[in-house]
Every structure is written in C-alpha cells, then in structure tokens.
C-alpha cells in the first residue's frame, strides 16, 4: 500500500483524522481498494466520496488505470455511491467469504491506455 504500488489516503478535515482508504497494487495497472473507513461521527459529510476521488487521483499518478473493490450489499449507502460514481459490478475476483458485491472502475479511457502503452 506504499508508493509506487499503492497509496494510503487519510481524510483530516479540521486536522483530525476522520477517515481513510488504502489502495494495494502489485506493480501493474490494476490495484484494489482494500479498506475504507469513515468515523461514525463524520458520516454524512461526503468524506467517502472525497476519499475515493483523492485515491483515484493518487493511483492515476502511479499509472494504475483500473481499480477493483469488494463490499457487502448491506452497506447500502456505499453501494449507492459506487454505482453513482462510475463503478461497474463485476464477477467475484477473490475468495473472501464476507463480501457479496464486486466492483471495478476504469480510471482512464482505452485510448489513453493505448497511448501510454505505445509511449512505454
């Protein structure tokens, strides 16, 4: 979850850590959102959306163009957020027994991906 394979992003409005998200990569163009957490007292402030936007921006800088995550369908608000921010439901990609929903988000267009591959 450290540079250059991933990032750990902390939300600190008012200089108090109230949320975090960590992205784990393996050196390729695919990475996984491993954990996201927002303090109960800070829920409803839009921190989850801002954390995910910042995490997506951070991994784009690393050349990662696809993110995946798993979650549980009982987390209705976050599932709604994923659907509304461009995440697509995909087939199960791990053997963790707790999640029942799996998502993927392409962070750059196929054209940008092809251009980057040609430049490499």
PDB file of N, CA and C in Angstrom:
ATOM      1  N   UNK A   1       0.806  -1.192   0.000  1.00  0.00           N
ATOM      2  CA  UNK A   1       0.000   0.000   0.000  1.00  0.00           C
ATOM      3  C   UNK A   1       0.852   1.260   0.000  1.00  0.00           C
ATOM      4  N   UNK A   2       2.124   1.056  -0.293  1.00  0.00           N
ATOM      5  CA  UNK A   2       3.031   2.198  -0.328  1.00  0.00           C
ATOM      6  C   UNK A   2       3.455   2.483  -1.754  1.00  0.00           C
ATOM      7  N   UNK A   3       3.856   3.707  -1.983  1.00  0.00           N
ATOM      8  CA  UNK A   3       4.385   4.128  -3.261  1.00  0.00           C
ATOM      9  C   UNK A   3       5.543   3.208  -3.636  1.00  0.00           C
ATOM     10  N   UNK A   4       5.685   2.720  -4.799  1.00  0.00           N
ATOM     11  CA  UNK A   4       4.985   3.082  -6.018  1.00  0.00           C
ATOM     12  C   UNK A   4       3.833   2.150  -6.387  1.00  0.00           C
ATOM     13  N   UNK A   5       3.418   1.231  -5.495  1.00  0.00           N
ATOM     14  CA  UNK A   5       2.385   0.254  -5.850  1.00  0.00           C
ATOM     15  C   UNK A   5       1.003   0.593  -5.321  1.00  0.00           C
ATOM     16  N   UNK A   6       0.885   1.519  -4.420  1.00  0.00           N
ATOM     17  CA  UNK A   6      -0.411   1.853  -3.845  1.00  0.00           C
ATOM     18  C   UNK A   6      -0.328   3.129  -3.045  1.00  0.00           C
ATOM     19  N   UNK A   7      -1.402   3.431  -2.390  1.00  0.00           N
ATOM     20  CA  UNK A   7      -1.470   4.660  -1.590  1.00  0.00           C
ATOM     21  C   UNK A   7      -2.358   4.441  -0.377  1.00  0.00           C
ATOM     22  N   UNK A   8      -2.096   5.204   0.650  1.00  0.00           N
ATOM     23  CA  UNK A   8      -2.935   5.265   1.846  1.00  0.00           C
ATOM     24  C   UNK A   8      -3.356   6.717   1.978  1.00  0.00           C
ATOM     25  N   UNK A   9      -4.646   6.975   1.904  1.00  0.00           N
ATOM     26  CA  UNK A   9      -5.173   8.335   1.913  1.00  0.00           C
ATOM     27  C   UNK A   9      -5.967   8.541   3.199  1.00  0.00           C
ATOM     28  N   UNK A  10      -5.706   9.647   3.877  1.00  0.00           N
ATOM     29  CA  UNK A  10      -6.387   9.972   5.131  1.00  0.00           C
ATOM     30  C   UNK A  10      -7.160  11.270   4.964  1.00  0.00           C
ATOM     31  N   UNK A  11      -8.411  11.267   5.420  1.00  0.00           N
ATOM     32  CA  UNK A  11      -9.230  12.488   5.438  1.00  0.00           C
ATOM     33  C   UNK A  11      -9.032  13.147   6.796  1.00  0.00           C
ATOM     34  N   UNK A  12      -8.551  14.395   6.755  1.00  0.00           N
ATOM     35  CA  UNK A  12      -8.302  15.115   8.004  1.00  0.00           C
ATOM     36  C   UNK A  12      -8.923  16.514   7.967  1.00  0.00           C
ATOM     37  N   UNK A  13     -10.233  16.584   7.849  1.00  0.00           N
ATOM     38  CA  UNK A  13     -10.822  17.918   7.960  1.00  0.00           C
ATOM     39  C   UNK A  13     -10.604  18.389   9.400  1.00  0.00           C
ATOM     40  N   UNK A  14     -10.347  19.621   9.560  1.00  0.00           N
ATOM     41  CA  UNK A  14     -10.093  20.200  10.892  1.00  0.00           C
ATOM     42  C   UNK A  14      -8.879  19.565  11.555  1.00  0.00           C
ATOM     43  N   UNK A  15      -7.962  18.989  10.734  1.00  0.00           N
ATOM     44  CA  UNK A  15      -6.707  18.377  11.207  1.00  0.00           C
ATOM     45  C   UNK A  15      -6.915  17.153  12.098  1.00  0.00           C
ATOM     46  N   UNK A  16      -8.113  16.588  12.089  1.00  0.00           N
ATOM     47  CA  UNK A  16      -8.414  15.379  12.860  1.00  0.00           C
ATOM     48  C   UNK A  16      -8.668  14.242  11.874  1.00  0.00           C
ATOM     49  N   UNK A  17      -7.950  13.111  11.977  1.00  0.00           N
ATOM     50  CA  UNK A  17      -8.208  12.001  11.055  1.00  0.00           C
ATOM     51  C   UNK A  17      -9.617  11.437  11.274  1.00  0.00           C
ATOM     52  N   UNK A  18     -10.437  11.509  10.226  1.00  0.00           N
ATOM     53  CA  UNK A  18     -11.818  11.044  10.332  1.00  0.00           C
ATOM     54  C   UNK A  18     -12.159   9.942   9.341  1.00  0.00           C
ATOM     55  N   UNK A  19     -11.234   9.616   8.464  1.00  0.00           N
ATOM     56  CA  UNK A  19     -11.483   8.558   7.503  1.00  0.00           C
ATOM     57  C   UNK A  19     -10.220   8.192   6.762  1.00  0.00           C
ATOM     58  N   UNK A  20     -10.241   7.026   6.130  1.00  0.00           N
ATOM     59  CA  UNK A  20      -9.082   6.603   5.350  1.00  0.00           C
ATOM     60  C   UNK A  20      -9.501   5.582   4.304  1.00  0.00           C
ATOM     61  N   UNK A  21      -8.669   5.447   3.302  1.00  0.00           N
ATOM     62  CA  UNK A  21      -8.827   4.420   2.281  1.00  0.00           C
ATOM     63  C   UNK A  21      -7.430   3.989   1.854  1.00  0.00           C
ATOM     64  N   UNK A  22      -7.249   2.688   1.680  1.00  0.00           N
ATOM     65  CA  UNK A  22      -5.947   2.239   1.199  1.00  0.00           C
ATOM     66  C   UNK A  22      -6.103   1.429  -0.074  1.00  0.00           C
ATOM     67  N   UNK A  23      -5.147   1.674  -0.955  1.00  0.00           N
ATOM     68  CA  UNK A  23      -5.117   1.070  -2.271  1.00  0.00           C
ATOM     69  C   UNK A  23      -3.884   0.181  -2.353  1.00  0.00           C
ATOM     70  N   UNK A  24      -4.085  -1.056  -2.743  1.00  0.00           N
ATOM     71  CA  UNK A  24      -2.984  -2.009  -2.837  1.00  0.00           C
ATOM     72  C   UNK A  24      -2.793  -2.422  -4.290  1.00  0.00           C
ATOM     73  N   UNK A  25      -1.611  -2.172  -4.790  1.00  0.00           N
ATOM     74  CA  UNK A  25      -1.254  -2.595  -6.131  1.00  0.00           C
ATOM     75  C   UNK A  25      -0.153  -3.625  -6.069  1.00  0.00           C
ATOM     76  N   UNK A  26       0.142  -4.198  -7.229  1.00  0.00           N
ATOM     77  CA  UNK A  26       1.226  -5.188  -7.307  1.00  0.00           C
ATOM     78  C   UNK A  26       2.232  -4.823  -8.379  1.00  0.00           C
ATOM     79  N   UNK A  27       2.230  -3.544  -8.747  1.00  0.00           N
ATOM     80  CA  UNK A  27       3.197  -3.101  -9.734  1.00  0.00           C
ATOM     81  C   UNK A  27       2.681  -3.031 -11.153  1.00  0.00           C
ATOM     82  N   UNK A  28       1.438  -3.426 -11.387  1.00  0.00           N
ATOM     83  CA  UNK A  28       0.864  -3.352 -12.728  1.00  0.00           C
ATOM     84  C   UNK A  28      -0.114  -2.198 -12.830  1.00  0.00           C
ATOM     85  N   UNK A  29      -1.050  -2.312 -13.746  1.00  0.00           N
ATOM     86  CA  UNK A  29      -2.026  -1.248 -13.960  1.00  0.00           C
ATOM     87  C   UNK A  29      -3.349  -1.525 -13.247  1.00  0.00           C
ATOM     88  N   UNK A  30      -3.398  -2.569 -12.436  1.00  0.00           N
ATOM     89  CA  UNK A  30      -4.584  -2.938 -11.671  1.00  0.00           C
ATOM     90  C   UNK A  30      -4.259  -2.852 -10.189  1.00  0.00           C
ATOM     91  N   UNK A  31      -5.167  -2.265  -9.411  1.00  0.00           N
ATOM     92  CA  UNK A  31      -4.992  -2.189  -7.959  1.00  0.00           C
ATOM     93  C   UNK A  31      -6.340  -2.430  -7.299  1.00  0.00           C
ATOM     94  N   UNK A  32      -6.302  -2.643  -5.994  1.00  0.00           N
ATOM     95  CA  UNK A  32      -7.518  -2.958  -5.249  1.00  0.00           C
ATOM     96  C   UNK A  32      -7.682  -2.019  -4.060  1.00  0.00           C
ATOM     97  N   UNK A  33      -8.902  -1.550  -3.878  1.00  0.00           N
ATOM     98  CA  UNK A  33      -9.243  -0.804  -2.670  1.00  0.00           C
ATOM     99  C   UNK A  33      -9.392  -1.850  -1.579  1.00  0.00           C
ATOM    100  N   UNK A  34      -8.496  -1.815  -0.597  1.00  0.00           N
ATOM    101  CA  UNK A  34      -8.506  -2.840   0.441  1.00  0.00           C
ATOM    102  C   UNK A  34      -9.391  -2.459   1.627  1.00  0.00           C
ATOM    103  N   UNK A  35      -9.322  -1.250   2.053  1.00  0.00           N
ATOM    104  CA  UNK A  35     -10.125  -0.820   3.193  1.00  0.00           C
ATOM    105  C   UNK A  35     -10.543   0.621   2.999  1.00  0.00           C
ATOM    106  N   UNK A  36     -11.749   0.917   3.442  1.00  0.00           N
ATOM    107  CA  UNK A  36     -12.194   2.294   3.530  1.00  0.00           C
ATOM    108  C   UNK A  36     -12.968   2.407   4.839  1.00  0.00           C
ATOM    109  N   UNK A  37     -12.708   3.492   5.541  1.00  0.00           N
ATOM    110  CA  UNK A  37     -13.352   3.691   6.830  1.00  0.00           C
ATOM    111  C   UNK A  37     -13.595   5.168   7.041  1.00  0.00           C
ATOM    112  N   UNK A  38     -14.752   5.497   7.581  1.00  0.00           N
ATOM    113  CA  UNK A  38     -15.082   6.860   7.988  1.00  0.00           C
ATOM    114  C   UNK A  38     -15.658   6.774   9.392  1.00  0.00           C
ATOM    115  N   UNK A  39     -15.175   7.633  10.280  1.00  0.00           N
ATOM    116  CA  UNK A  39     -15.648   7.651  11.661  1.00  0.00           C
ATOM    117  C   UNK A  39     -17.162   7.846  11.694  1.00  0.00           C
ATOM    118  N   UNK A  40     -17.855   7.127  12.556  1.00  0.00           N
ATOM    119  CA  UNK A  40     -19.315   7.273  12.630  1.00  0.00           C
ATOM    120  C   UNK A  40     -19.772   8.721  12.799  1.00  0.00           C
ATOM    121  N   UNK A  41     -19.057   9.509  13.580  1.00  0.00           N
ATOM    122  CA  UNK A  41     -19.444  10.909  13.807  1.00  0.00           C
ATOM    123  C   UNK A  41     -19.293  11.763  12.555  1.00  0.00           C
ATOM    124  N   UNK A  42     -18.517  11.292  11.577  1.00  0.00           N
ATOM    125  CA  UNK A  42     -18.260  12.073  10.363  1.00  0.00           C
ATOM    126  C   UNK A  42     -19.074  11.585   9.166  1.00  0.00           C
ATOM    127  N   UNK A  43     -19.887  10.582   9.362  1.00  0.00           N
ATOM    128  CA  UNK A  43     -20.670  10.053   8.241  1.00  0.00           C
ATOM    129  C   UNK A  43     -21.744  11.055   7.836  1.00  0.00           C
ATOM    130  N   UNK A  44     -21.989  11.115   6.546  1.00  0.00           N
ATOM    131  CA  UNK A  44     -22.959  12.068   6.018  1.00  0.00           C
ATOM    132  C   UNK A  44     -22.346  13.390   5.601  1.00  0.00           C
ATOM    133  N   UNK A  45     -21.027  13.533   5.750  1.00  0.00           N
ATOM    134  CA  UNK A  45     -20.338  14.778   5.385  1.00  0.00           C
ATOM    135  C   UNK A  45     -19.719  14.730   3.990  1.00  0.00           C
ATOM    136  N   UNK A  46     -19.866  13.618   3.301  1.00  0.00           N
ATOM    137  CA  UNK A  46     -19.290  13.485   1.965  1.00  0.00           C
ATOM    138  C   UNK A  46     -17.838  13.044   1.960  1.00  0.00           C
ATOM    139  N   UNK A  47     -17.321  12.596   3.109  1.00  0.00           N
ATOM    140  CA  UNK A  47     -15.908  12.192   3.170  1.00  0.00           C
ATOM    141  C   UNK A  47     -15.614  10.966   2.313  1.00  0.00           C
ATOM    142  N   UNK A  48     -16.538  10.027   2.247  1.00  0.00           N
ATOM    143  CA  UNK A  48     -16.294   8.822   1.459  1.00  0.00           C
ATOM    144  C   UNK A  48     -16.089   9.182  -0.001  1.00  0.00           C
ATOM    145  N   UNK A  49     -16.939  10.019  -0.536  1.00  0.00           N
ATOM    146  CA  UNK A  49     -16.809  10.447  -1.936  1.00  0.00           C
ATOM    147  C   UNK A  49     -15.476  11.159  -2.147  1.00  0.00           C
ATOM    148  N   UNK A  50     -15.114  12.053  -1.230  1.00  0.00           N
ATOM    149  CA  UNK A  50     -13.850  12.788  -1.371  1.00  0.00           C
ATOM    150  C   UNK A  50     -12.645  11.876  -1.212  1.00  0.00           C
ATOM    151  N   UNK A  51     -12.711  10.923  -0.296  1.00  0.00           N
ATOM    152  CA  UNK A  51     -11.616   9.967  -0.136  1.00  0.00           C
ATOM    153  C   UNK A  51     -11.415   9.148  -1.404  1.00  0.00           C
ATOM    154  N   UNK A  52     -12.495   8.650  -1.970  1.00  0.00           N
ATOM    155  CA  UNK A  52     -12.380   7.838  -3.174  1.00  0.00           C
ATOM    156  C   UNK A  52     -11.865   8.659  -4.349  1.00  0.00           C
ATOM    157  N   UNK A  53     -12.319   9.897  -4.476  1.00  0.00           N
ATOM    158  CA  UNK A  53     -11.823  10.756  -5.559  1.00  0.00           C
ATOM    159  C   UNK A  53     -10.335  10.989  -5.407  1.00  0.00           C
ATOM    160  N   UNK A  54      -9.889  11.284  -4.192  1.00  0.00           N
ATOM    161  CA  UNK A  54      -8.452  11.508  -3.956  1.00  0.00           C
ATOM    162  C   UNK A  54      -7.646  10.237  -4.197  1.00  0.00           C
ATOM    163  N   UNK A  55      -8.175   9.088  -3.780  1.00  0.00           N
ATOM    164  CA  UNK A  55      -7.481   7.821  -4.003  1.00  0.00           C
ATOM    165  C   UNK A  55      -7.365   7.528  -5.498  1.00  0.00           C
ATOM    166  N   UNK A  56      -8.434   7.772  -6.244  1.00  0.00           N
ATOM    167  CA  UNK A  56      -8.394   7.555  -7.696  1.00  0.00           C
ATOM    168  C   UNK A  56      -7.359   8.463  -8.347  1.00  0.00           C
ATOM    169  N   UNK A  57      -7.322   9.724  -7.944  1.00  0.00           N
ATOM    170  CA  UNK A  57      -6.318  10.645  -8.491  1.00  0.00           C
ATOM    171  C   UNK A  57      -4.901  10.174  -8.160  1.00  0.00           C
ATOM    172  N   UNK A  58      -4.700   9.714  -6.931  1.00  0.00           N
ATOM    173  CA  UNK A  58      -3.371   9.268  -6.496  1.00  0.00           C
ATOM    174  C   UNK A  58      -2.901   8.060  -7.294  1.00  0.00           C
ATOM    175  N   UNK A  59      -3.780   7.104  -7.547  1.00  0.00           N
ATOM    176  CA  UNK A  59      -3.327   5.917  -8.270  1.00  0.00           C
ATOM    177  C   UNK A  59      -3.168   6.190  -9.766  1.00  0.00           C
ATOM    178  N   UNK A  60      -3.906   7.147 -10.305  1.00  0.00           N
ATOM    179  CA  UNK A  60      -3.663   7.542 -11.705  1.00  0.00           C
ATOM    180  C   UNK A  60      -2.220   8.021 -11.851  1.00  0.00           C
ATOM    181  N   UNK A  61      -1.744   8.775 -10.851  1.00  0.00           N
ATOM    182  CA  UNK A  61      -0.367   9.276 -10.879  1.00  0.00           C
ATOM    183  C   UNK A  61       0.645   8.137 -10.901  1.00  0.00           C
ATOM    184  N   UNK A  62       0.260   6.967 -10.396  1.00  0.00           N
ATOM    185  CA  UNK A  62       1.139   5.798 -10.382  1.00  0.00           C
ATOM    186  C   UNK A  62       1.036   4.975 -11.662  1.00  0.00           C
ATOM    187  N   UNK A  63       0.157   5.382 -12.583  1.00  0.00           N
ATOM    188  CA  UNK A  63      -0.032   4.627 -13.813  1.00  0.00           C
ATOM    189  C   UNK A  63      -1.031   3.501 -13.681  1.00  0.00           C
ATOM    190  N   UNK A  64      -1.746   3.458 -12.577  1.00  0.00           N
ATOM    191  CA  UNK A  64      -2.779   2.448 -12.370  1.00  0.00           C
ATOM    192  C   UNK A  64      -4.050   2.953 -13.041  1.00  0.00           C
ATOM    193  N   UNK A  65      -4.623   2.132 -13.915  1.00  0.00           N
ATOM    194  CA  UNK A  65      -5.806   2.607 -14.620  1.00  0.00           C
ATOM    195  C   UNK A  65      -7.072   1.833 -14.303  1.00  0.00           C
ATOM    196  N   UNK A  66      -6.973   0.790 -13.489  1.00  0.00           N
ATOM    197  CA  UNK A  66      -8.162   0.033 -13.112  1.00  0.00           C
ATOM    198  C   UNK A  66      -8.117  -0.272 -11.625  1.00  0.00           C
ATOM    199  N   UNK A  67      -9.208   0.057 -10.947  1.00  0.00           N
ATOM    200  CA  UNK A  67      -9.357  -0.263  -9.528  1.00  0.00           C
ATOM    201  C   UNK A  67     -10.466  -1.288  -9.365  1.00  0.00           C
ATOM    202  N   UNK A  68     -10.292  -2.162  -8.397  1.00  0.00           N
ATOM    203  CA  UNK A  68     -11.330  -3.122  -8.010  1.00  0.00           C
ATOM    204  C   UNK A  68     -11.570  -3.004  -6.520  1.00  0.00           C
ATOM    205  N   UNK A  69     -12.758  -3.428  -6.119  1.00  0.00           N
ATOM    206  CA  UNK A  69     -13.064  -3.486  -4.690  1.00  0.00           C
ATOM    207  C   UNK A  69     -14.161  -4.496  -4.454  1.00  0.00           C
ATOM    208  N   UNK A  70     -14.245  -4.932  -3.212  1.00  0.00           N
ATOM    209  CA  UNK A  70     -15.361  -5.775  -2.801  1.00  0.00           C
ATOM    210  C   UNK A  70     -16.051  -5.114  -1.629  1.00  0.00           C
ATOM    211  N   UNK A  71     -17.318  -5.424  -1.460  1.00  0.00           N
ATOM    212  CA  UNK A  71     -18.096  -4.861  -0.366  1.00  0.00           C
ATOM    213  C   UNK A  71     -19.258  -5.782  -0.081  1.00  0.00           C
ATOM    214  N   UNK A  72     -20.050  -5.401   0.894  1.00  0.00           N
ATOM    215  CA  UNK A  72     -21.210  -6.184   1.268  1.00  0.00           C
ATOM    216  C   UNK A  72     -22.473  -5.414   0.928  1.00  0.00           C
ATOM    217  N   UNK A  73     -23.459  -6.099   0.413  1.00  0.00           N
ATOM    218  CA  UNK A  73     -24.697  -5.448  -0.028  1.00  0.00           C
ATOM    219  C   UNK A  73     -25.474  -4.796   1.114  1.00  0.00           C
ATOM    220  N   UNK A  74     -25.143  -5.121   2.360  1.00  0.00           N
ATOM    221  CA  UNK A  74     -25.828  -4.470   3.491  1.00  0.00           C
ATOM    222  C   UNK A  74     -25.363  -3.028   3.682  1.00  0.00           C
ATOM    223  N   UNK A  75     -24.253  -2.653   3.055  1.00  0.00           N
ATOM    224  CA  UNK A  75     -23.730  -1.288   3.150  1.00  0.00           C
ATOM    225  C   UNK A  75     -24.364  -0.449   2.028  1.00  0.00           C
ATOM    226  N   UNK A  76     -25.634  -0.210   2.177  1.00  0.00           N
ATOM    227  CA  UNK A  76     -26.467   0.379   1.129  1.00  0.00           C
ATOM    228  C   UNK A  76     -25.935   1.717   0.635  1.00  0.00           C
ATOM    229  N   UNK A  77     -25.528   2.601   1.540  1.00  0.00           N
ATOM    230  CA  UNK A  77     -25.070   3.933   1.134  1.00  0.00           C
ATOM    231  C   UNK A  77     -23.823   3.867   0.270  1.00  0.00           C
ATOM    232  N   UNK A  78     -22.866   3.041   0.644  1.00  0.00           N
ATOM    233  CA  UNK A  78     -21.627   2.976  -0.126  1.00  0.00           C
ATOM    234  C   UNK A  78     -21.859   2.269  -1.468  1.00  0.00           C
ATOM    235  N   UNK A  79     -22.729   1.285  -1.492  1.00  0.00           N
ATOM    236  CA  UNK A  79     -23.058   0.639  -2.763  1.00  0.00           C
ATOM    237  C   UNK A  79     -23.694   1.664  -3.698  1.00  0.00           C
ATOM    238  N   UNK A  80     -24.589   2.485  -3.173  1.00  0.00           N
ATOM    239  CA  UNK A  80     -25.215   3.547  -3.978  1.00  0.00           C
ATOM    240  C   UNK A  80     -24.148   4.517  -4.487  1.00  0.00           C
ATOM    241  N   UNK A  81     -23.178   4.856  -3.628  1.00  0.00           N
ATOM    242  CA  UNK A  81     -22.094   5.750  -4.043  1.00  0.00           C
ATOM    243  C   UNK A  81     -21.294   5.140  -5.190  1.00  0.00           C
ATOM    244  N   UNK A  82     -20.937   3.878  -5.072  1.00  0.00           N
ATOM    245  CA  UNK A  82     -20.159   3.237  -6.140  1.00  0.00           C
ATOM    246  C   UNK A  82     -20.920   3.269  -7.465  1.00  0.00           C
ATOM    247  N   UNK A  83     -22.194   2.933  -7.422  1.00  0.00           N
ATOM    248  CA  UNK A  83     -22.990   2.961  -8.657  1.00  0.00           C
ATOM    249  C   UNK A  83     -23.044   4.371  -9.252  1.00  0.00           C
ATOM    250  N   UNK A  84     -23.143   5.386  -8.408  1.00  0.00           N
ATOM    251  CA  UNK A  84     -23.298   6.760  -8.907  1.00  0.00           C
ATOM    252  C   UNK A  84     -21.986   7.409  -9.335  1.00  0.00           C
ATOM    253  N   UNK A  85     -20.855   6.769  -9.039  1.00  0.00           N
ATOM    254  CA  UNK A  85     -19.558   7.376  -9.375  1.00  0.00           C
ATOM    255  C   UNK A  85     -18.763   6.553 -10.394  1.00  0.00           C
ATOM    256  N   UNK A  86     -19.464   5.752 -11.176  1.00  0.00           N
ATOM    257  CA  UNK A  86     -18.806   5.094 -12.299  1.00  0.00           C
ATOM    258  C   UNK A  86     -18.261   3.705 -12.063  1.00  0.00           C
ATOM    259  N   UNK A  87     -18.526   3.117 -10.917  1.00  0.00           N
ATOM    260  CA  UNK A  87     -18.083   1.749 -10.665  1.00  0.00           C
ATOM    261  C   UNK A  87     -19.070   0.788 -11.320  1.00  0.00           C
ATOM    262  N   UNK A  88     -18.544  -0.325 -11.847  1.00  0.00           N
ATOM    263  CA  UNK A  88     -19.348  -1.339 -12.517  1.00  0.00           C
ATOM    264  C   UNK A  88     -19.272  -2.634 -11.725  1.00  0.00           C
ATOM    265  N   UNK A  89     -20.407  -3.265 -11.508  1.00  0.00           N
ATOM    266  CA  UNK A  89     -20.396  -4.568 -10.838  1.00  0.00           C
ATOM    267  C   UNK A  89     -19.749  -5.600 -11.746  1.00  0.00           C
ATOM    268  N   UNK A  90     -18.891  -6.424 -11.149  1.00  0.00           N
ATOM    269  CA  UNK A  90     -18.194  -7.481 -11.885  1.00  0.00           C
ATOM    270  C   UNK A  90     -18.342  -8.797 -11.134  1.00  0.00           C
ATOM    271  N   UNK A  91     -17.853  -9.852 -11.719  1.00  0.00           N
ATOM    272  CA  UNK A  91     -17.861 -11.167 -11.073  1.00  0.00           C
ATOM    273  C   UNK A  91     -16.895 -11.171  -9.886  1.00  0.00           C
ATOM    274  N   UNK A  92     -17.134 -12.071  -8.973  1.00  0.00           N
ATOM    275  CA  UNK A  92     -16.245 -12.261  -7.815  1.00  0.00           C
ATOM    276  C   UNK A  92     -14.806 -12.428  -8.299  1.00  0.00           C
ATOM    277  N   UNK A  93     -13.867 -11.733  -7.629  1.00  0.00           N
ATOM    278  CA  UNK A  93     -12.460 -11.855  -8.021  1.00  0.00           C
ATOM    279  C   UNK A  93     -11.563 -12.306  -6.876  1.00  0.00           C
ATOM    280  N   UNK A  94     -12.155 -12.667  -5.745  1.00  0.00           N
ATOM    281  CA  UNK A  94     -11.355 -13.207  -4.645  1.00  0.00           C
ATOM    282  C   UNK A  94     -12.175 -14.243  -3.886  1.00  0.00           C
ATOM    283  N   UNK A  95     -11.546 -14.873  -2.903  1.00  0.00           N
ATOM    284  CA  UNK A  95     -12.253 -15.914  -2.156  1.00  0.00           C
ATOM    285  C   UNK A  95     -12.613 -15.483  -0.737  1.00  0.00           C
ATOM    286  N   UNK A  96     -12.607 -14.174  -0.481  1.00  0.00           N
ATOM    287  CA  UNK A  96     -13.037 -13.648   0.816  1.00  0.00           C
ATOM    288  C   UNK A  96     -14.516 -13.983   0.993  1.00  0.00           C
ATOM    289  N   UNK A  97     -14.896 -14.633   2.093  1.00  0.00           N
ATOM    290  CA  UNK A  97     -16.295 -15.055   2.241  1.00  0.00           C
ATOM    291  C   UNK A  97     -17.268 -13.931   2.628  1.00  0.00           C
ATOM    292  N   UNK A  98     -16.789 -12.792   3.075  1.00  0.00           N
ATOM    293  CA  UNK A  98     -17.678 -11.758   3.603  1.00  0.00           C
ATOM    294  C   UNK A  98     -18.302 -10.841   2.554  1.00  0.00           C
ATOM    295  N   UNK A  99     -17.577 -10.394   1.549  1.00  0.00           N
ATOM    296  CA  UNK A  99     -18.225  -9.540   0.550  1.00  0.00           C
ATOM    297  C   UNK A  99     -19.124 -10.357  -0.378  1.00  0.00           C
ATOM    298  N   UNK A 100     -20.157  -9.686  -0.870  1.00  0.00           N
ATOM    299  CA  UNK A 100     -21.020 -10.337  -1.847  1.00  0.00           C
ATOM    300  C   UNK A 100     -21.225  -9.482  -3.097  1.00  0.00           C
ATOM    301  N   UNK A 101     -20.566  -8.327  -3.135  1.00  0.00           N
ATOM    302  CA  UNK A 101     -20.581  -7.467  -4.308  1.00  0.00           C
ATOM    303  C   UNK A 101     -19.152  -7.115  -4.686  1.00  0.00           C
ATOM    304  N   UNK A 102     -18.895  -7.068  -5.996  1.00  0.00           N
ATOM    305  CA  UNK A 102     -17.555  -6.797  -6.504  1.00  0.00           C
ATOM    306  C   UNK A 102     -17.674  -5.746  -7.589  1.00  0.00           C
ATOM    307  N   UNK A 103     -16.773  -4.763  -7.547  1.00  0.00           N
ATOM    308  CA  UNK A 103     -16.841  -3.631  -8.461  1.00  0.00           C
ATOM    309  C   UNK A 103     -15.491  -3.391  -9.117  1.00  0.00           C
ATOM    310  N   UNK A 104     -15.541  -2.727 -10.270  1.00  0.00           N
ATOM    311  CA  UNK A 104     -14.341  -2.300 -10.973  1.00  0.00           C
ATOM    312  C   UNK A 104     -14.597  -0.914 -11.545  1.00  0.00           C
ATOM    313  N   UNK A 105     -13.536  -0.111 -11.598  1.00  0.00           N
ATOM    314  CA  UNK A 105     -13.639   1.212 -12.206  1.00  0.00           C
ATOM    315  C   UNK A 105     -12.415   1.438 -13.072  1.00  0.00           C
ATOM    316  N   UNK A 106     -12.658   1.773 -14.336  1.00  0.00           N
ATOM    317  CA  UNK A 106     -11.589   2.142 -15.253  1.00  0.00           C
ATOM    318  C   UNK A 106     -11.315   3.624 -15.050  1.00  0.00           C
ATOM    319  N   UNK A 107     -10.078   3.962 -14.785  1.00  0.00           N
ATOM    320  CA  UNK A 107      -9.716   5.342 -14.463  1.00  0.00           C
ATOM    321  C   UNK A 107      -9.262   6.136 -15.671  1.00  0.00           C
ATOM    322  N   UNK A 108      -8.990   5.470 -16.768  1.00  0.00           N
ATOM    323  CA  UNK A 108      -8.658   6.191 -17.995  1.00  0.00           C
ATOM    324  C   UNK A 108      -9.302   5.470 -19.155  1.00  0.00           C
ATOM    325  N   UNK A 109      -9.468   6.178 -20.235  1.00  0.00           N
ATOM    326  CA  UNK A 109     -10.111   5.601 -21.411  1.00  0.00           C
ATOM    327  C   UNK A 109      -9.180   4.594 -22.070  1.00  0.00           C
ATOM    328  N   UNK A 110      -9.742   3.728 -22.897  1.00  0.00           N
ATOM    329  CA  UNK A 110      -8.925   2.769 -23.643  1.00  0.00           C
ATOM    330  C   UNK A 110      -7.929   3.492 -24.542  1.00  0.00           C
ATOM    331  N   UNK A 111      -8.339   4.632 -25.111  1.00  0.00           N
ATOM    332  CA  UNK A 111      -7.434   5.406 -25.960  1.00  0.00           C
ATOM    333  C   UNK A 111      -6.228   5.908 -25.185  1.00  0.00           C
ATOM    334  N   UNK A 112      -6.453   6.419 -23.978  1.00  0.00           N
ATOM    335  CA  UNK A 112      -5.346   6.897 -23.142  1.00  0.00           C
ATOM    336  C   UNK A 112      -4.450   5.735 -22.731  1.00  0.00           C
ATOM    337  N   UNK A 113      -5.051   4.582 -22.459  1.00  0.00           N
ATOM    338  CA  UNK A 113      -4.276   3.401 -22.080  1.00  0.00           C
ATOM    339  C   UNK A 113      -3.378   2.964 -23.244  1.00  0.00           C
ATOM    340  N   UNK A 114      -3.936   2.924 -24.460  1.00  0.00           N
ATOM    341  CA  UNK A 114      -3.149   2.525 -25.630  1.00  0.00           C
ATOM    342  C   UNK A 114      -2.023   3.519 -25.890  1.00  0.00           C
ATOM    343  N   UNK A 115      -2.316   4.806 -25.725  1.00  0.00           N
ATOM    344  CA  UNK A 115      -1.294   5.832 -25.925  1.00  0.00           C
ATOM    345  C   UNK A 115      -0.164   5.652 -24.921  1.00  0.00           C
ATOM    346  N   UNK A 116      -0.495   5.374 -23.672  1.00  0.00           N
ATOM    347  CA  UNK A 116       0.519   5.188 -22.642  1.00  0.00           C
ATOM    348  C   UNK A 116       1.358   3.951 -22.932  1.00  0.00           C
ATOM    349  N   UNK A 117       0.730   2.874 -23.405  1.00  0.00           N
ATOM    350  CA  UNK A 117       1.472   1.663 -23.739  1.00  0.00           C
ATOM    351  C   UNK A 117       2.419   1.892 -24.907  1.00  0.00           C
ATOM    352  N   UNK A 118       1.983   2.663 -25.912  1.00  0.00           N
ATOM    353  CA  UNK A 118       2.865   2.960 -27.049  1.00  0.00           C
ATOM    354  C   UNK A 118       4.073   3.773 -26.600  1.00  0.00           C
ATOM    355  N   UNK A 119       3.887   4.668 -25.630  1.00  0.00           N
ATOM    356  CA  UNK A 119       4.975   5.526 -25.170  1.00  0.00           C
ATOM    357  C   UNK A 119       5.977   4.757 -24.315  1.00  0.00           C
ATOM    358  N   UNK A 120       5.550   3.632 -23.743  1.00  0.00           N
ATOM    359  CA  UNK A 120       6.437   2.880 -22.839  1.00  0.00           C
ATOM    360  C   UNK A 120       7.508   2.117 -23.560  1.00  0.00           C
TER     361      UNK A 120
END
